[in-house]
Amino acid sequence: MTKIALSVTRLNVVVVLAITLSVSVLPTTVRAQSDRNLDADDIDRLIQELSNWGRWGEKDELGTLNLITSEKKRQAVQLVREGISVSLARDVETEEASDNPDPFIHQMLPVHQGKWAADRLTVSYHGYAHTHMDSLCHLFHHGRMYNGFTQDQVTDKGAEILDIGNVKQGILTRGILIDIPRLRGLDYLEPGSPIYPEELDAWENRAGINVTSGDVVFIYTGRWGRRAKTGAWDAEATGIAGLHASCAKWLHARDIAMLGSDAASDVIPSRVQGVSHPVHLLMLHALGVHIFDNCDLEGLARTAARLKRWEFLLTASPIPVTGGTGSPLNPIATF
């Protein structure tokens, strides 16, 4: 190919260039497709490959929250310019629905001494309805949790290790919104739609922003917008949009502090034979990444689009329940 004379016709040059380009692109395409065909053995290999066990010491319980350094916090505070704050929490879901089998219970108590109003709040927050944070003790794999701690350290009295009480000081860092419906030119993603690493790259390019160490990444799928339009649906039976397991390498490479979404981060069904929630598994178990589930990102997506800013100050304060596997909470984005 390099011996072609300079007098070759324009048509031949085009043909040669086309062949050259197709050969150079082919390996990347094949590799991208093969990364999508994962099974349980592949996930176990990824656990080993991406593991942060021991990175901050054998007794570490914070995982990637260690990446939110004092300098990172100071940088994040500088993102506040307009003074606009947006809640990332759903209003509490008190009605039973196909995606909410355990509604939030708000019970008024008798008025005390004729002047004090009081109430009781009850919630089983894990699942697909209530905005909450998963602690690192929320998931077991082969009898172990993040950093090698064992399942028997979580008992009917609570978690002895990796509990949500470790996050009592709260979270303050840079948040990044990745708006996949906007990238695809849609209002929302349909249930079961997978998001692949190539789209995360494409969003960084389009938004002109790079995810960096210590960031909290929020994946917007438009889940709550779709629910408002079409009604509730069973996430496990019908599916829900989210990240394919192949995105774990992308998230690991950027050294994120936390992952959040308007659903469960995982695409459901997962498309990984034998593993229902591979993203949860890789984040909580291997990387030590706490997760925000079921955030309401509708207002955030509108505000970010209006301001043309996809980064913001992220603050969040879980309830410090000693032994708790997580906590309902109200994350706040401030521009």
Protein backbone atom coordinates (compact mmCIF):
# COMPACT_ATOMS: atom_id res chain seq x y z
CA MET A 1 0.00 0.00 0.00
CA THR A 2 2.89 2.36 0.67
CA LYS A 3 4.32 1.73 -2.85
CA ILE A 4 1.37 3.28 -4.74
CA ALA A 5 2.57 5.90 -7.25
CA LEU A 6 1.66 9.55 -6.79
CA SER A 7 -0.14 9.49 -10.17
CA VAL A 8 -2.87 7.23 -8.80
CA THR A 9 -6.40 8.45 -9.47
CA ARG A 10 -8.51 10.26 -6.84
CA LEU A 11 -10.90 7.28 -6.79
CA ASN A 12 -8.12 4.87 -5.91
CA VAL A 13 -6.90 7.13 -3.12
CA VAL A 14 -10.39 7.17 -1.64
CA VAL A 15 -10.57 3.38 -1.84
CA VAL A 16 -7.18 2.92 -0.19
CA LEU A 17 -8.06 5.37 2.59
CA ALA A 18 -11.38 3.64 3.19
CA ILE A 19 -9.67 0.26 3.50
CA THR A 20 -7.05 1.70 5.85
CA LEU A 21 -9.68 3.32 8.05
CA SER A 22 -11.80 0.19 8.21
CA VAL A 23 -8.81 -1.88 9.32
CA SER A 24 -7.83 0.63 12.00
CA VAL A 25 -11.36 0.95 13.39
CA LEU A 26 -12.22 -2.74 13.40
CA PRO A 27 -10.24 -3.86 16.49
CA THR A 28 -11.80 -1.11 18.64
CA THR A 29 -15.30 -2.03 17.47
CA VAL A 30 -14.75 -5.72 18.14
CA ARG A 31 -13.30 -4.95 21.57
CA ALA A 32 -16.23 -2.70 22.50
CA GLN A 33 -18.73 -5.36 21.51
CA SER A 34 -16.90 -8.15 23.33
CA ASP A 35 -16.85 -6.08 26.54
CA ARG A 36 -20.66 -6.18 26.45
CA ASN A 37 -20.85 -9.97 26.48
CA LEU A 38 -20.09 -10.58 30.14
CA ASP A 39 -20.95 -13.48 32.43
CA ALA A 40 -20.49 -14.21 36.14
CA ASP A 41 -16.88 -15.34 35.61
CA ASP A 42 -16.11 -12.05 33.88
CA ILE A 43 -17.56 -10.14 36.81
CA ASP A 44 -15.40 -12.10 39.25
CA ARG A 45 -12.37 -11.24 37.12
CA LEU A 46 -13.38 -7.57 37.15
CA ILE A 47 -13.69 -7.70 40.93
CA GLN A 48 -10.05 -8.74 41.11
CA GLU A 49 -8.90 -6.31 38.43
CA LEU A 50 -10.66 -3.23 39.82
CA SER A 51 -10.37 -4.00 43.53
CA ASN A 52 -9.50 -1.21 45.96
CA TRP A 53 -9.08 -3.63 48.85
CA GLY A 54 -6.10 -2.57 50.96
CA ARG A 55 -5.58 0.66 49.02
CA TRP A 56 -6.19 2.76 52.15
CA GLY A 57 -5.17 0.08 54.63
CA GLU A 58 -6.63 -3.24 55.73
CA LYS A 59 -8.95 -1.59 58.26
CA ASP A 60 -10.37 1.05 55.91
CA GLU A 61 -14.17 1.45 55.95
CA LEU A 62 -14.61 4.59 53.82
CA GLY A 63 -13.54 3.24 50.44
CA THR A 64 -13.44 5.87 47.72
CA LEU A 65 -14.80 8.55 50.05
CA ASN A 66 -11.09 8.81 50.96
CA LEU A 67 -10.69 10.56 47.60
CA ILE A 68 -12.68 13.56 48.84
CA THR A 69 -9.67 15.39 50.23
CA SER A 70 -9.61 18.78 51.90
CA GLU A 71 -8.33 20.27 48.64
CA LYS A 72 -11.16 18.59 46.70
CA LYS A 73 -13.68 20.14 49.08
CA ARG A 74 -12.18 23.60 48.69
CA GLN A 75 -12.30 23.25 44.90
CA ALA A 76 -15.94 22.10 45.04
CA VAL A 77 -17.04 25.09 47.07
CA GLN A 78 -15.67 27.37 44.34
CA LEU A 79 -18.30 25.95 41.96
CA VAL A 80 -21.03 27.95 43.70
CA ARG A 81 -21.63 31.01 41.49
CA GLU A 82 -25.35 31.55 40.96
CA GLY A 83 -26.37 30.44 44.46
CA ILE A 84 -29.03 28.07 43.06
CA SER A 85 -29.71 24.89 45.05
CA VAL A 86 -31.62 21.85 43.78
CA SER A 87 -32.79 18.90 45.84
CA LEU A 88 -31.96 15.47 44.42
CA ALA A 89 -34.46 13.61 46.59
CA ARG A 90 -37.93 12.34 45.76
CA ASP A 91 -40.80 13.63 47.83
CA VAL A 92 -41.55 10.67 50.09
CA GLU A 93 -43.59 7.99 48.32
CA THR A 94 -46.50 7.22 50.65
CA GLU A 95 -48.69 5.32 48.18
CA GLU A 96 -48.15 1.66 47.39
CA ALA A 97 -47.30 1.10 43.73
CA SER A 98 -45.70 -1.49 41.49
CA ASP A 99 -42.30 0.11 42.12
CA ASN A 100 -43.05 0.87 45.78
CA PRO A 101 -44.22 -2.20 47.72
CA ASP A 102 -43.08 -0.59 51.02
CA PRO A 103 -44.47 2.95 51.14
CA PHE A 104 -43.06 5.61 53.42
CA ILE A 105 -45.30 5.80 56.50
CA HIS A 106 -46.01 9.16 58.10
CA GLN A 107 -48.09 8.69 61.24
CA MET A 108 -49.36 11.58 63.32
CA LEU A 109 -49.20 11.06 67.09
CA PRO A 110 -51.55 12.44 69.74
CA VAL A 111 -51.08 16.12 70.53
CA HIS A 112 -48.96 16.36 73.68
CA GLN A 113 -50.18 18.60 76.49
CA GLY A 114 -52.58 20.22 74.10
CA LYS A 115 -49.83 22.13 72.23
CA TRP A 116 -47.08 19.86 70.86
CA ALA A 117 -47.65 18.27 67.45
CA ALA A 118 -45.61 15.10 66.80
CA ASP A 119 -45.33 12.34 64.27
CA ARG A 120 -43.58 9.04 63.55
CA LEU A 121 -41.73 8.28 60.30
CA THR A 122 -41.22 4.69 59.15
CA VAL A 123 -39.51 3.56 55.97
CA SER A 124 -37.97 0.44 54.46
CA TYR A 125 -35.82 2.46 52.12
CA HIS A 126 -33.83 -0.07 50.06
CA GLY A 127 -35.46 -0.89 46.74
CA TYR A 128 -36.59 1.23 43.79
CA ALA A 129 -38.75 3.94 45.33
CA HIS A 130 -37.08 5.93 48.10
CA THR A 131 -34.03 8.16 47.69
CA HIS A 132 -31.28 6.65 49.79
CA MET A 133 -27.59 5.93 50.17
CA ASP A 134 -26.14 2.42 50.27
CA SER A 135 -23.40 1.80 52.78
CA LEU A 136 -20.61 -0.65 51.97
CA CYS A 137 -22.12 -3.34 54.22
CA HIS A 138 -25.24 -3.52 52.04
CA LEU A 139 -24.01 -6.32 49.77
CA PHE A 140 -22.22 -9.64 50.28
CA HIS A 141 -20.31 -11.64 47.66
CA HIS A 142 -18.96 -15.09 48.50
CA GLY A 143 -19.46 -14.23 52.15
CA ARG A 144 -17.40 -11.05 52.06
CA MET A 145 -17.81 -7.28 51.81
CA TYR A 146 -15.51 -4.46 50.73
CA ASN A 147 -11.90 -4.77 51.95
CA GLY A 148 -12.37 -8.40 52.91
CA PHE A 149 -14.66 -7.91 55.88
CA THR A 150 -16.89 -10.95 56.41
CA GLN A 151 -20.64 -11.39 56.21
CA ASP A 152 -20.86 -12.62 59.81
CA GLN A 153 -19.95 -9.08 60.89
CA VAL A 154 -23.48 -8.06 59.95
CA THR A 155 -25.96 -9.55 62.43
CA ASP A 156 -29.54 -9.04 63.52
CA LYS A 157 -28.20 -6.27 65.76
CA GLY A 158 -26.72 -4.38 62.81
CA ALA A 159 -23.45 -4.06 60.96
CA GLU A 160 -20.29 -4.12 63.07
CA ILE A 161 -18.29 -2.77 60.16
CA LEU A 162 -18.78 -0.61 57.03
CA ASP A 163 -22.05 0.86 58.39
CA ILE A 164 -23.54 4.21 57.44
CA GLY A 165 -22.35 5.72 60.71
CA ASN A 166 -18.95 6.04 59.04
CA VAL A 167 -20.37 8.85 56.89
CA LYS A 168 -21.61 10.95 59.84
CA GLN A 169 -19.46 13.90 58.75
CA GLY A 170 -21.38 14.07 55.48
CA ILE A 171 -20.30 14.43 51.86
CA LEU A 172 -19.09 17.63 50.20
CA THR A 173 -17.43 17.43 46.80
CA ARG A 174 -17.92 18.11 43.09
CA GLY A 175 -20.96 16.49 41.51
CA ILE A 176 -21.22 15.70 37.80
CA LEU A 177 -24.46 15.08 35.91
CA ILE A 178 -24.37 12.74 32.92
CA ASP A 179 -27.57 13.30 30.94
CA ILE A 180 -27.97 10.29 28.64
CA PRO A 181 -31.47 11.17 27.30
CA ARG A 182 -30.12 14.57 26.19
CA LEU A 183 -27.17 12.83 24.54
CA ARG A 184 -29.56 10.54 22.64
CA GLY A 185 -32.06 13.30 21.84
CA LEU A 186 -34.80 11.75 24.02
CA ASP A 187 -36.98 12.84 26.91
CA TYR A 188 -36.17 9.65 28.83
CA LEU A 189 -34.78 6.16 28.37
CA GLU A 190 -37.07 3.18 28.08
CA PRO A 191 -36.96 0.43 30.74
CA GLY A 192 -34.10 -1.99 30.21
CA SER A 193 -32.03 0.43 28.09
CA PRO A 194 -28.31 -0.16 28.75
CA ILE A 195 -25.77 2.65 28.88
CA TYR A 196 -22.28 1.78 27.63
CA PRO A 197 -18.86 3.38 28.28
CA GLU A 198 -18.76 4.93 24.81
CA GLU A 199 -21.72 7.10 25.78
CA LEU A 200 -20.01 8.25 28.96
CA ASP A 201 -17.05 9.33 26.81
CA ALA A 202 -19.42 11.04 24.39
CA TRP A 203 -21.08 12.97 27.21
CA GLU A 204 -17.73 14.20 28.54
CA ASN A 205 -16.93 15.46 25.04
CA ARG A 206 -20.31 17.09 24.52
CA ALA A 207 -20.45 18.73 27.96
CA GLY A 208 -16.80 19.78 27.80
CA ILE A 209 -16.12 18.34 31.22
CA ASN A 210 -14.00 15.49 32.54
CA VAL A 211 -14.84 13.33 35.53
CA THR A 212 -11.90 13.41 37.94
CA SER A 213 -10.79 11.81 41.20
CA GLY A 214 -13.16 12.44 44.11
CA ASP A 215 -16.19 13.37 41.99
CA VAL A 216 -19.70 12.06 42.58
CA VAL A 217 -21.22 11.00 39.25
CA PHE A 218 -24.99 11.06 38.73
CA ILE A 219 -26.49 9.11 35.82
CA TYR A 220 -29.72 10.67 34.57
CA THR A 221 -32.08 8.34 32.68
CA GLY A 222 -35.33 10.33 32.97
CA ARG A 223 -36.90 7.54 35.03
CA TRP A 224 -39.16 9.81 37.10
CA GLY A 225 -40.21 11.86 34.07
CA ARG A 226 -41.31 8.66 32.36
CA ARG A 227 -43.14 7.55 35.51
CA ALA A 228 -45.05 10.85 35.63
CA LYS A 229 -46.12 10.37 32.01
CA THR A 230 -46.83 6.63 31.83
CA GLY A 231 -47.33 5.57 35.45
CA ALA A 232 -45.35 3.30 37.75
CA TRP A 233 -43.91 -0.02 36.63
CA ASP A 234 -42.22 -2.96 38.32
CA ALA A 235 -38.50 -2.37 37.90
CA GLU A 236 -37.53 -6.02 38.19
CA ALA A 237 -40.32 -7.40 36.01
CA THR A 238 -40.30 -4.73 33.29
CA GLY A 239 -36.74 -3.47 33.61
CA ILE A 240 -35.11 -0.14 34.24
CA ALA A 241 -32.51 1.88 32.34
CA GLY A 242 -29.00 2.08 33.73
CA LEU A 243 -25.33 1.33 33.35
CA HIS A 244 -24.08 -1.87 31.76
CA ALA A 245 -21.43 -3.65 33.82
CA SER A 246 -18.79 -2.71 31.25
CA CYS A 247 -18.99 0.87 32.59
CA ALA A 248 -17.25 -0.22 35.80
CA LYS A 249 -13.82 0.11 34.19
CA TRP A 250 -14.67 3.64 33.07
CA LEU A 251 -15.74 4.64 36.58
CA HIS A 252 -12.67 2.99 38.12
CA ALA A 253 -10.34 4.78 35.71
CA ARG A 254 -11.76 8.15 36.79
CA ASP A 255 -11.47 7.30 40.51
CA ILE A 256 -14.97 8.47 41.39
CA ALA A 257 -15.90 8.97 45.05
CA MET A 258 -19.55 7.93 44.67
CA LEU A 259 -22.10 6.88 42.06
CA GLY A 260 -25.74 7.96 41.93
CA SER A 261 -28.71 7.73 39.59
CA ASP A 262 -32.46 8.23 39.35
CA ALA A 263 -32.89 4.45 39.57
CA ALA A 264 -30.47 1.73 40.70
CA SER A 265 -27.41 2.63 38.56
CA ASP A 266 -27.60 -0.94 37.15
CA VAL A 267 -29.52 -1.61 33.97
CA ILE A 268 -32.21 -4.20 34.72
CA PRO A 269 -32.15 -6.86 33.43
CA SER A 270 -28.38 -6.69 33.73
CA ARG A 271 -27.51 -8.63 30.54
CA VAL A 272 -24.94 -10.50 32.64
CA GLN A 273 -25.92 -14.14 33.06
CA GLY A 274 -26.08 -15.09 36.74
CA VAL A 275 -25.51 -11.58 38.19
CA SER A 276 -28.56 -9.41 38.80
CA HIS A 277 -26.82 -6.17 39.87
CA PRO A 278 -23.21 -6.25 38.63
CA VAL A 279 -22.69 -2.48 38.94
CA HIS A 280 -23.77 -2.56 42.58
CA LEU A 281 -21.51 -5.55 43.14
CA LEU A 282 -18.46 -3.95 41.54
CA MET A 283 -19.00 -0.58 43.20
CA LEU A 284 -19.86 -1.63 46.76
CA HIS A 285 -17.81 -4.81 46.99
CA ALA A 286 -14.72 -4.28 44.83
CA LEU A 287 -14.18 -0.53 44.54
CA GLY A 288 -15.65 0.58 47.86
CA VAL A 289 -17.94 3.11 46.17
CA HIS A 290 -21.04 4.12 48.13
CA ILE A 291 -24.18 4.54 45.98
CA PHE A 292 -27.10 6.98 45.84
CA ASP A 293 -30.24 5.20 44.60
CA ASN A 294 -33.55 6.60 43.32
CA CYS A 295 -32.52 10.24 43.26
CA ASP A 296 -34.95 12.62 41.59
CA LEU A 297 -32.74 14.23 38.96
CA GLU A 298 -35.48 15.95 36.95
CA GLY A 299 -34.92 19.37 38.49
CA LEU A 300 -31.16 18.95 38.31
CA ALA A 301 -31.29 18.08 34.61
CA ARG A 302 -33.44 21.15 33.84
CA THR A 303 -31.24 23.48 35.87
CA ALA A 304 -28.00 22.14 34.41
CA ALA A 305 -29.37 22.49 30.87
CA ARG A 306 -30.55 26.06 31.51
CA LEU A 307 -27.21 27.09 33.01
CA LYS A 308 -25.23 24.93 30.56
CA ARG A 309 -23.25 23.69 33.53
CA TRP A 310 -22.94 20.01 34.37
CA GLU A 311 -20.78 20.36 37.48
CA PHE A 312 -21.91 21.61 40.88
CA LEU A 313 -21.26 21.49 44.59
CA LEU A 314 -22.75 18.28 45.97
CA THR A 315 -23.64 17.98 49.66
CA ALA A 316 -25.37 15.10 51.42
CA SER A 317 -25.87 14.02 55.02
CA PRO A 318 -27.07 10.49 55.76
CA ILE A 319 -28.66 9.75 59.11
CA PRO A 320 -25.82 8.39 61.31
CA VAL A 321 -27.43 5.11 62.30
CA THR A 322 -24.82 2.96 63.99
CA GLY A 323 -24.98 -0.45 62.32
CA GLY A 324 -27.16 0.82 59.47
CA THR A 325 -26.84 -0.55 55.94
CA GLY A 326 -27.65 2.85 54.47
CA SER A 327 -29.90 5.83 54.99
CA PRO A 328 -32.65 7.85 53.36
CA LEU A 329 -31.38 11.36 52.69
CA ASN A 330 -31.72 14.57 50.70
CA PRO A 331 -28.66 15.29 48.51
CA ILE A 332 -28.35 18.91 47.39
CA ALA A 333 -26.74 20.28 44.23
CA THR A 334 -25.70 23.95 44.37
CA PHE A 335 -24.62 25.97 41.33
